[in-house]
Amino acid sequence: MHELALADSVLKAALSAADDAGMDRIDRIVVKIGELQQIERELFEFSLTTVLPAMDDRLAGVQFDLSEELVRFECRSCGTDYGRNDAGIEGDGDQDEAIHFIPELSHAFARCPSCGSPDFEIRAGRGITLERIEGSSEDDPG
């Protein structure tokens, strides 16, 4: 159940960013979930919205905007930019689990659709990113 730990990390990062920005309240947290992260989205969302907000009063009533970031690869040999389906990643359970725990294993399964090379960079779709927080402070006018 690493979704709870991931949600906890997102909220701690949001609270830290709120401290840095002088926010007394966080109204909205925008999060991108990388396709390679392979999380149980419902459990992650439940952890964010129900289990963890009680950890800090600044999270009372916070809204979450969650979106998926599709994986993008860039071939180091020919420069082609391509996605998961183009790479030949089948998406079976064993492959997905291996890539989830060690994203670099995607090199064992994926090939550039243009030149067939397994040498690529993962440009997007890995991990969880705190994109933005919105909130206010008691000092804000209005």
C-alpha atoms as a PDB file:
ATOM      1  CA  MET A   1       0.000   0.000   0.000  1.00  0.00           C
ATOM      2  CA  HIS A   2       2.545   2.554  -1.116  1.00  0.00           C
ATOM      3  CA  GLU A   3      -0.256   4.885  -2.247  1.00  0.00           C
ATOM      4  CA  LEU A   4      -0.638   6.076   1.351  1.00  0.00           C
ATOM      5  CA  ALA A   5       3.090   6.842   1.573  1.00  0.00           C
ATOM      6  CA  LEU A   6       2.988   8.659  -1.781  1.00  0.00           C
ATOM      7  CA  ALA A   7      -0.044  10.699  -0.703  1.00  0.00           C
ATOM      8  CA  ASP A   8       1.701  11.544   2.566  1.00  0.00           C
ATOM      9  CA  SER A   9       4.756  12.755   0.621  1.00  0.00           C
ATOM     10  CA  VAL A  10       2.612  14.912  -1.676  1.00  0.00           C
ATOM     11  CA  LEU A  11       0.863  16.557   1.265  1.00  0.00           C
ATOM     12  CA  LYS A  12       4.112  17.132   3.154  1.00  0.00           C
ATOM     13  CA  ALA A  13       5.621  18.726   0.041  1.00  0.00           C
ATOM     14  CA  ALA A  14       2.515  20.901  -0.381  1.00  0.00           C
ATOM     15  CA  LEU A  15       2.673  22.000   3.262  1.00  0.00           C
ATOM     16  CA  SER A  16       6.361  22.811   2.914  1.00  0.00           C
ATOM     17  CA  ALA A  17       5.664  24.855  -0.234  1.00  0.00           C
ATOM     18  CA  ALA A  18       2.822  26.609   1.606  1.00  0.00           C
ATOM     19  CA  ASP A  19       5.235  27.492   4.420  1.00  0.00           C
ATOM     20  CA  ASP A  20       7.720  28.884   1.900  1.00  0.00           C
ATOM     21  CA  ALA A  21       4.949  30.959   0.267  1.00  0.00           C
ATOM     22  CA  GLY A  22       3.514  32.169   3.593  1.00  0.00           C
ATOM     23  CA  MET A  23       0.155  30.444   3.017  1.00  0.00           C
ATOM     24  CA  ASP A  24      -2.125  29.847   5.990  1.00  0.00           C
ATOM     25  CA  ARG A  25      -4.542  27.744   3.958  1.00  0.00           C
ATOM     26  CA  ILE A  26      -4.224  25.470   0.935  1.00  0.00           C
ATOM     27  CA  ASP A  27      -7.286  25.478  -1.313  1.00  0.00           C
ATOM     28  CA  ARG A  28      -6.099  23.385  -4.248  1.00  0.00           C
ATOM     29  CA  ILE A  29      -3.300  20.930  -4.962  1.00  0.00           C
ATOM     30  CA  VAL A  30      -2.488  19.981  -8.561  1.00  0.00           C
ATOM     31  CA  VAL A  31      -0.728  16.629  -8.985  1.00  0.00           C
ATOM     32  CA  LYS A  32       0.467  14.736 -12.070  1.00  0.00           C
ATOM     33  CA  ILE A  33       0.765  10.966 -11.814  1.00  0.00           C
ATOM     34  CA  GLY A  34       3.246   9.412 -14.204  1.00  0.00           C
ATOM     35  CA  GLU A  35       1.990   6.497 -16.259  1.00  0.00           C
ATOM     36  CA  LEU A  36       4.996   4.410 -15.198  1.00  0.00           C
ATOM     37  CA  GLN A  37       4.132   4.941 -11.518  1.00  0.00           C
ATOM     38  CA  GLN A  38       1.407   2.273 -11.768  1.00  0.00           C
ATOM     39  CA  ILE A  39      -0.499   3.305  -8.658  1.00  0.00           C
ATOM     40  CA  GLU A  40      -4.008   2.416  -7.533  1.00  0.00           C
ATOM     41  CA  ARG A  41      -5.475   5.809  -8.341  1.00  0.00           C
ATOM     42  CA  GLU A  42      -8.596   5.327  -6.217  1.00  0.00           C
ATOM     43  CA  LEU A  43      -6.541   4.388  -3.160  1.00  0.00           C
ATOM     44  CA  PHE A  44      -4.162   7.297  -3.755  1.00  0.00           C
ATOM     45  CA  GLU A  45      -7.085   9.715  -4.078  1.00  0.00           C
ATOM     46  CA  PHE A  46      -8.761   8.256  -0.977  1.00  0.00           C
ATOM     47  CA  SER A  47      -5.530   8.714   0.971  1.00  0.00           C
ATOM     48  CA  LEU A  48      -5.258  12.323  -0.186  1.00  0.00           C
ATOM     49  CA  THR A  49      -8.861  13.310   0.411  1.00  0.00           C
ATOM     50  CA  THR A  50      -9.938  11.287   3.432  1.00  0.00           C
ATOM     51  CA  VAL A  51      -7.079   9.813   5.417  1.00  0.00           C
ATOM     52  CA  LEU A  52      -4.389  12.474   5.443  1.00  0.00           C
ATOM     53  CA  PRO A  53      -5.910  15.982   5.393  1.00  0.00           C
ATOM     54  CA  ALA A  54      -6.549  15.759   9.133  1.00  0.00           C
ATOM     55  CA  MET A  55      -2.774  16.012   9.611  1.00  0.00           C
ATOM     56  CA  ASP A  56      -2.876  19.807   9.285  1.00  0.00           C
ATOM     57  CA  ASP A  57      -5.645  22.415   9.599  1.00  0.00           C
ATOM     58  CA  ARG A  58      -4.333  24.220   6.506  1.00  0.00           C
ATOM     59  CA  LEU A  59      -5.637  21.285   4.436  1.00  0.00           C
ATOM     60  CA  ALA A  60      -9.256  21.598   5.582  1.00  0.00           C
ATOM     61  CA  GLY A  61     -11.448  21.658   2.472  1.00  0.00           C
ATOM     62  CA  VAL A  62      -8.540  21.262   0.055  1.00  0.00           C
ATOM     63  CA  GLN A  63      -9.445  20.236  -3.500  1.00  0.00           C
ATOM     64  CA  PHE A  64      -7.238  17.930  -5.539  1.00  0.00           C
ATOM     65  CA  ASP A  65      -6.706  18.100  -9.271  1.00  0.00           C
ATOM     66  CA  LEU A  66      -5.139  14.785 -10.337  1.00  0.00           C
ATOM     67  CA  SER A  67      -4.121  14.016 -13.885  1.00  0.00           C
ATOM     68  CA  GLU A  68      -2.088  11.339 -15.602  1.00  0.00           C
ATOM     69  CA  GLU A  69       1.126  12.189 -17.379  1.00  0.00           C
ATOM     70  CA  LEU A  70       1.651   9.774 -20.252  1.00  0.00           C
ATOM     71  CA  VAL A  71       5.102   8.294 -20.649  1.00  0.00           C
ATOM     72  CA  ARG A  72       7.324   9.780 -23.346  1.00  0.00           C
ATOM     73  CA  PHE A  73      10.622   8.326 -24.456  1.00  0.00           C
ATOM     74  CA  GLU A  74      13.338   9.927 -26.570  1.00  0.00           C
ATOM     75  CA  CYS A  75      15.683   7.684 -28.513  1.00  0.00           C
ATOM     76  CA  ARG A  76      19.318   8.516 -27.865  1.00  0.00           C
ATOM     77  CA  SER A  77      20.306   6.991 -31.214  1.00  0.00           C
ATOM     78  CA  CYS A  78      17.962   8.727 -33.652  1.00  0.00           C
ATOM     79  CA  GLY A  79      16.120  11.346 -31.560  1.00  0.00           C
ATOM     80  CA  THR A  80      12.618   9.926 -32.090  1.00  0.00           C
ATOM     81  CA  ASP A  81      10.055  10.907 -29.449  1.00  0.00           C
ATOM     82  CA  TYR A  82       7.537   8.142 -28.754  1.00  0.00           C
ATOM     83  CA  GLY A  83       5.050   6.768 -26.234  1.00  0.00           C
ATOM     84  CA  ARG A  84       4.407   3.510 -24.449  1.00  0.00           C
ATOM     85  CA  ASN A  85       2.385   1.860 -27.206  1.00  0.00           C
ATOM     86  CA  ASP A  86       4.933   2.845 -29.855  1.00  0.00           C
ATOM     87  CA  ALA A  87       7.724   1.354 -27.702  1.00  0.00           C
ATOM     88  CA  GLY A  88       6.272  -2.162 -27.746  1.00  0.00           C
ATOM     89  CA  ILE A  89       5.557  -2.303 -24.012  1.00  0.00           C
ATOM     90  CA  GLU A  90       2.760  -4.856 -23.795  1.00  0.00           C
ATOM     91  CA  GLY A  91       1.300  -3.746 -20.471  1.00  0.00           C
ATOM     92  CA  ASP A  92       0.987  -7.180 -18.910  1.00  0.00           C
ATOM     93  CA  GLY A  93       1.025  -7.375 -15.115  1.00  0.00           C
ATOM     94  CA  ASP A  94       4.568  -8.683 -14.711  1.00  0.00           C
ATOM     95  CA  GLN A  95       6.071  -6.132 -17.084  1.00  0.00           C
ATOM     96  CA  ASP A  96       4.149  -3.259 -15.510  1.00  0.00           C
ATOM     97  CA  GLU A  97       5.170  -4.291 -12.002  1.00  0.00           C
ATOM     98  CA  ALA A  98       8.844  -4.606 -12.956  1.00  0.00           C
ATOM     99  CA  ILE A  99       8.832  -1.178 -14.646  1.00  0.00           C
ATOM    100  CA  HIS A 100       6.952   0.350 -11.727  1.00  0.00           C
ATOM    101  CA  PHE A 101       9.584  -0.667  -9.195  1.00  0.00           C
ATOM    102  CA  ILE A 102      12.595  -0.060 -11.443  1.00  0.00           C
ATOM    103  CA  PRO A 103      11.670   2.271 -14.349  1.00  0.00           C
ATOM    104  CA  GLU A 104      15.072   1.631 -15.926  1.00  0.00           C
ATOM    105  CA  LEU A 105      13.836  -1.914 -16.663  1.00  0.00           C
ATOM    106  CA  SER A 106      11.727  -0.365 -19.399  1.00  0.00           C
ATOM    107  CA  HIS A 107      14.934  -0.612 -21.464  1.00  0.00           C
ATOM    108  CA  ALA A 108      14.540  -4.412 -21.380  1.00  0.00           C
ATOM    109  CA  PHE A 109      11.034  -4.194 -22.866  1.00  0.00           C
ATOM    110  CA  ALA A 110      10.917  -1.057 -25.033  1.00  0.00           C
ATOM    111  CA  ARG A 111      12.458  -0.337 -28.420  1.00  0.00           C
ATOM    112  CA  CYS A 112      12.477   2.793 -30.544  1.00  0.00           C
ATOM    113  CA  PRO A 113       9.823   2.373 -33.250  1.00  0.00           C
ATOM    114  CA  SER A 114      12.081   4.134 -35.784  1.00  0.00           C
ATOM    115  CA  CYS A 115      15.460   2.447 -35.350  1.00  0.00           C
ATOM    116  CA  GLY A 116      14.828  -0.416 -32.894  1.00  0.00           C
ATOM    117  CA  SER A 117      17.315   0.862 -30.308  1.00  0.00           C
ATOM    118  CA  PRO A 118      16.723   0.130 -26.602  1.00  0.00           C
ATOM    119  CA  ASP A 119      18.776   3.249 -25.727  1.00  0.00           C
ATOM    120  CA  PHE A 120      16.379   6.016 -24.714  1.00  0.00           C
ATOM    121  CA  GLU A 121      15.611   8.569 -22.035  1.00  0.00           C
ATOM    122  CA  ILE A 122      12.354   8.639 -20.119  1.00  0.00           C
ATOM    123  CA  ARG A 123      11.258  12.238 -20.743  1.00  0.00           C
ATOM    124  CA  ALA A 124       7.852  12.202 -19.041  1.00  0.00           C
ATOM    125  CA  GLY A 125       5.460   9.926 -17.213  1.00  0.00           C
ATOM    126  CA  ARG A 126       7.647   8.838 -14.353  1.00  0.00           C
ATOM    127  CA  GLY A 127       6.866   9.493 -10.703  1.00  0.00           C
ATOM    128  CA  ILE A 128       4.426  11.834  -9.070  1.00  0.00           C
ATOM    129  CA  THR A 129       4.797  15.586  -9.462  1.00  0.00           C
ATOM    130  CA  LEU A 130       3.374  18.319  -7.278  1.00  0.00           C
ATOM    131  CA  GLU A 131       2.573  20.761 -10.062  1.00  0.00           C
ATOM    132  CA  ARG A 132       1.045  23.613  -8.093  1.00  0.00           C
ATOM    133  CA  ILE A 133      -0.630  24.619  -4.880  1.00  0.00           C
ATOM    134  CA  GLU A 134      -3.135  27.402  -4.485  1.00  0.00           C
ATOM    135  CA  GLY A 135      -4.039  29.013  -1.208  1.00  0.00           C
ATOM    136  CA  SER A 136      -4.045  32.178   0.808  1.00  0.00           C
ATOM    137  CA  SER A 137      -2.733  33.754   3.952  1.00  0.00           C
ATOM    138  CA  GLU A 138      -4.551  35.691   6.632  1.00  0.00           C
ATOM    139  CA  ASP A 139      -2.609  38.750   5.483  1.00  0.00           C
ATOM    140  CA  ASP A 140      -4.158  38.598   1.995  1.00  0.00           C
ATOM    141  CA  PRO A 141      -6.598  41.475   1.429  1.00  0.00           C
ATOM    142  CA  GLY A 142     -10.148  40.648   0.580  1.00  0.00           C
END
